[in-house]
């Protein structure tokens, strides 16, 4: 559903766009709230929430929430149980080809998702008046490190959040309005990384 919402983001009305962004910001939990709470989160009305779910192709709010719950159930499955449900790649001889196909599909999907927002992202990262913090989780930290090293060659004001999470509060103290935090993490998302991102956003 995330991909569906991102794909149609430009076609929503202003009020529906607020609903979409509220859903994506706290996905999927925002969509599991009551209509009234979801409307309050999105700073809009109950009827707008219902129009939004209709635009997504659901007959009613209950069907919309049922779809979200199904997604959560799939996420909660362990990696081994999910592996058994993956479709076999037709006409391929082994796992190497299957991994290659999967990577290609993921890159294509990421490209579609980013196409609308990438110019604005690049403009912000290139703005010398904005400081940048890069942070990652236990396994995704290396990706944050790569971005930090590349950006450091191009501009000043780029820092990598290092050390253990106990020391991250020191980095938060330096976050100013307008600064950028680039966060990398994989499901299931690391709680301390989420808390850092929320703390930085609040500042």
Protein backbone atom coordinates (compact mmCIF):
# COMPACT_ATOMS: atom_id res chain seq x y z
CA UNK A 1 0.00 0.00 0.00
CA UNK A 2 2.94 2.34 0.64
CA UNK A 3 3.95 2.04 -2.99
CA UNK A 4 0.38 2.72 -4.12
CA UNK A 5 0.11 5.87 -1.96
CA UNK A 6 3.49 7.21 -3.10
CA UNK A 7 2.64 6.55 -6.74
CA UNK A 8 -0.62 8.53 -6.55
CA UNK A 9 0.63 11.29 -4.24
CA UNK A 10 0.67 13.96 -6.95
CA UNK A 11 -2.94 13.23 -7.93
CA UNK A 12 -4.45 13.73 -4.46
CA UNK A 13 -6.19 16.92 -3.42
CA UNK A 14 -4.41 19.07 -0.84
CA UNK A 15 -6.43 17.55 2.01
CA UNK A 16 -5.97 14.00 0.70
CA UNK A 17 -2.25 14.71 0.35
CA UNK A 18 -2.10 15.51 4.07
CA UNK A 19 -3.76 12.17 4.77
CA UNK A 20 -1.27 10.37 2.51
CA UNK A 21 1.73 12.01 4.16
CA UNK A 22 0.37 11.29 7.64
CA UNK A 23 -0.07 7.63 6.69
CA UNK A 24 3.43 7.35 5.20
CA UNK A 25 5.00 9.11 8.20
CA UNK A 26 3.61 6.56 10.68
CA UNK A 27 3.03 3.58 8.42
CA UNK A 28 1.07 1.41 8.97
CA UNK A 29 -0.05 2.36 12.49
CA UNK A 30 -1.72 5.64 11.48
CA UNK A 31 -4.12 3.74 9.24
CA UNK A 32 -5.10 1.40 12.07
CA UNK A 33 -6.45 4.23 14.20
CA UNK A 34 -10.10 5.23 14.22
CA UNK A 35 -11.27 7.58 11.49
CA UNK A 36 -11.45 10.41 14.03
CA UNK A 37 -7.89 9.89 15.31
CA UNK A 38 -6.50 9.48 11.80
CA UNK A 39 -8.26 12.70 10.74
CA UNK A 40 -6.80 14.54 13.73
CA UNK A 41 -3.30 13.27 12.90
CA UNK A 42 -3.69 14.42 9.28
CA UNK A 43 -5.26 17.77 10.29
CA UNK A 44 -8.34 17.07 8.19
CA UNK A 45 -11.89 15.69 8.50
CA UNK A 46 -13.43 12.24 8.73
CA UNK A 47 -15.09 12.49 5.29
CA UNK A 48 -11.69 13.31 3.76
CA UNK A 49 -10.26 10.12 5.29
CA UNK A 50 -13.09 8.11 3.76
CA UNK A 51 -12.62 9.77 0.35
CA UNK A 52 -8.91 8.96 0.57
CA UNK A 53 -9.46 5.23 1.17
CA UNK A 54 -12.02 5.19 -1.64
CA UNK A 55 -9.42 6.75 -3.95
CA UNK A 56 -7.12 3.87 -3.04
CA UNK A 57 -9.75 1.41 -4.24
CA UNK A 58 -11.34 0.29 -0.96
CA UNK A 59 -15.09 0.18 -0.47
CA UNK A 60 -14.88 1.32 3.13
CA UNK A 61 -12.51 2.06 6.01
CA UNK A 62 -12.82 -1.46 7.41
CA UNK A 63 -11.50 -2.97 4.15
CA UNK A 64 -8.64 -0.46 4.17
CA UNK A 65 -7.65 -1.48 7.71
CA UNK A 66 -8.01 -5.17 6.89
CA UNK A 67 -5.49 -4.75 4.09
CA UNK A 68 -3.06 -3.03 6.46
CA UNK A 69 -3.41 -5.83 9.01
CA UNK A 70 -2.65 -8.39 6.30
CA UNK A 71 0.57 -6.53 5.50
CA UNK A 72 1.55 -6.53 9.17
CA UNK A 73 0.94 -10.26 9.41
CA UNK A 74 3.30 -10.87 6.49
CA UNK A 75 5.95 -8.62 8.06
CA UNK A 76 5.79 -10.47 11.36
CA UNK A 77 6.58 -13.78 9.74
CA UNK A 78 10.16 -14.90 10.25
CA UNK A 79 12.60 -14.77 7.31
CA UNK A 80 12.60 -18.56 6.91
CA UNK A 81 8.83 -18.86 6.74
CA UNK A 82 8.66 -15.97 4.26
CA UNK A 83 11.38 -17.55 2.12
CA UNK A 84 9.21 -20.58 1.47
CA UNK A 85 6.44 -18.37 0.03
CA UNK A 86 8.65 -16.65 -2.52
CA UNK A 87 7.69 -17.55 -6.09
CA UNK A 88 10.24 -19.49 -8.08
CA UNK A 89 11.74 -17.67 -11.02
CA UNK A 90 10.68 -19.34 -14.25
CA UNK A 91 13.36 -20.24 -16.74
CA UNK A 92 16.21 -19.64 -14.29
CA UNK A 93 18.77 -22.20 -13.24
CA UNK A 94 19.76 -21.14 -9.75
CA UNK A 95 19.76 -18.67 -6.84
CA UNK A 96 22.26 -16.31 -8.46
CA UNK A 97 19.84 -15.49 -11.27
CA UNK A 98 16.94 -15.17 -8.82
CA UNK A 99 18.90 -12.69 -6.68
CA UNK A 100 19.85 -10.73 -9.80
CA UNK A 101 16.22 -10.49 -10.87
CA UNK A 102 15.14 -9.44 -7.40
CA UNK A 103 17.77 -6.69 -7.24
CA UNK A 104 16.67 -5.38 -10.62
CA UNK A 105 13.02 -5.28 -9.55
CA UNK A 106 13.93 -3.46 -6.34
CA UNK A 107 15.99 -0.86 -8.19
CA UNK A 108 13.16 -0.27 -10.67
CA UNK A 109 10.66 0.14 -7.83
CA UNK A 110 12.95 2.51 -5.92
CA UNK A 111 13.43 4.56 -9.07
CA UNK A 112 9.67 4.92 -9.55
CA UNK A 113 9.17 5.89 -5.90
CA UNK A 114 11.96 8.48 -5.95
CA UNK A 115 11.30 10.06 -9.33
CA UNK A 116 8.88 12.65 -7.97
CA UNK A 117 10.91 13.57 -4.89
CA UNK A 118 14.54 13.11 -5.96
CA UNK A 119 15.13 16.67 -7.34
CA UNK A 120 13.96 18.21 -4.04
CA UNK A 121 16.10 15.75 -2.05
CA UNK A 122 19.19 16.60 -4.10
CA UNK A 123 18.54 20.35 -3.75
CA UNK A 124 18.42 20.02 0.03
CA UNK A 125 21.53 17.87 0.25
CA UNK A 126 23.39 20.36 -1.95
CA UNK A 127 22.33 23.41 0.09
CA UNK A 128 25.49 24.60 1.92
CA UNK A 129 23.38 26.38 4.54
CA UNK A 130 22.02 23.05 5.79
CA UNK A 131 24.10 20.72 7.94
CA UNK A 132 23.67 17.00 7.31
CA UNK A 133 23.72 14.08 9.76
CA UNK A 134 23.94 10.51 8.46
CA UNK A 135 22.85 7.64 10.70
CA UNK A 136 22.17 3.94 10.30
CA UNK A 137 21.28 0.87 12.30
CA UNK A 138 23.42 -2.10 13.21
CA UNK A 139 23.51 -3.44 9.65
CA UNK A 140 22.66 -0.28 7.71
CA UNK A 141 25.31 1.89 9.37
CA UNK A 142 27.75 1.09 6.55
CA UNK A 143 25.39 2.63 3.97
CA UNK A 144 25.19 5.80 6.05
CA UNK A 145 28.98 5.77 6.23
CA UNK A 146 29.27 5.55 2.43
CA UNK A 147 26.96 8.55 1.94
CA UNK A 148 28.89 10.51 4.57
CA UNK A 149 32.22 9.87 2.86
CA UNK A 150 30.89 10.82 -0.57
CA UNK A 151 29.15 13.99 0.59
CA UNK A 152 32.20 15.05 2.58
CA UNK A 153 34.13 15.20 -0.71
CA UNK A 154 31.55 17.61 -2.13
CA UNK A 155 30.60 19.94 0.71
CA UNK A 156 31.16 20.91 4.34
CA UNK A 157 28.83 20.42 7.29
CA UNK A 158 28.38 16.64 6.95
CA UNK A 159 28.66 14.40 10.02
CA UNK A 160 28.30 10.68 10.63
CA UNK A 161 26.55 9.60 13.84
CA UNK A 162 29.04 7.18 15.37
CA UNK A 163 29.59 5.27 18.60
CA UNK A 164 26.87 3.57 20.61
CA UNK A 165 23.35 4.95 20.91
CA UNK A 166 24.16 6.09 24.45
CA UNK A 167 26.30 8.86 22.91
CA UNK A 168 23.80 9.94 20.25
CA UNK A 169 22.25 12.61 22.47
CA UNK A 170 25.39 14.69 21.90
CA UNK A 171 24.68 14.74 18.17
CA UNK A 172 21.06 15.75 18.75
CA UNK A 173 22.19 18.83 20.66
CA UNK A 174 23.72 20.20 17.45
CA UNK A 175 20.64 19.74 15.26
CA UNK A 176 19.23 23.09 14.12
CA UNK A 177 16.04 24.00 12.21
CA UNK A 178 16.62 23.36 8.51
CA UNK A 179 19.29 20.70 9.04
CA UNK A 180 18.93 17.32 7.34
CA UNK A 181 19.09 13.87 8.91
CA UNK A 182 19.49 10.98 6.46
CA UNK A 183 18.44 7.72 8.12
CA UNK A 184 19.11 4.21 6.85
CA UNK A 185 17.51 1.18 8.47
CA UNK A 186 15.89 -2.13 7.60
CA UNK A 187 12.79 -3.81 9.00
CA UNK A 188 12.33 -4.48 11.73
CA UNK A 189 13.46 -0.95 12.41
CA UNK A 190 15.90 -0.40 15.23
CA UNK A 191 14.19 1.42 18.10
CA UNK A 192 17.10 3.70 19.00
CA UNK A 193 17.45 4.79 15.37
CA UNK A 194 13.73 5.62 15.26
CA UNK A 195 14.00 7.61 18.49
CA UNK A 196 16.98 9.57 17.14
CA UNK A 197 15.06 10.45 13.97
CA UNK A 198 12.02 11.57 15.96
CA UNK A 199 14.19 13.65 18.29
CA UNK A 200 15.95 15.34 15.37
CA UNK A 201 12.62 16.08 13.66
CA UNK A 202 11.29 17.65 16.84
CA UNK A 203 14.19 20.10 16.79
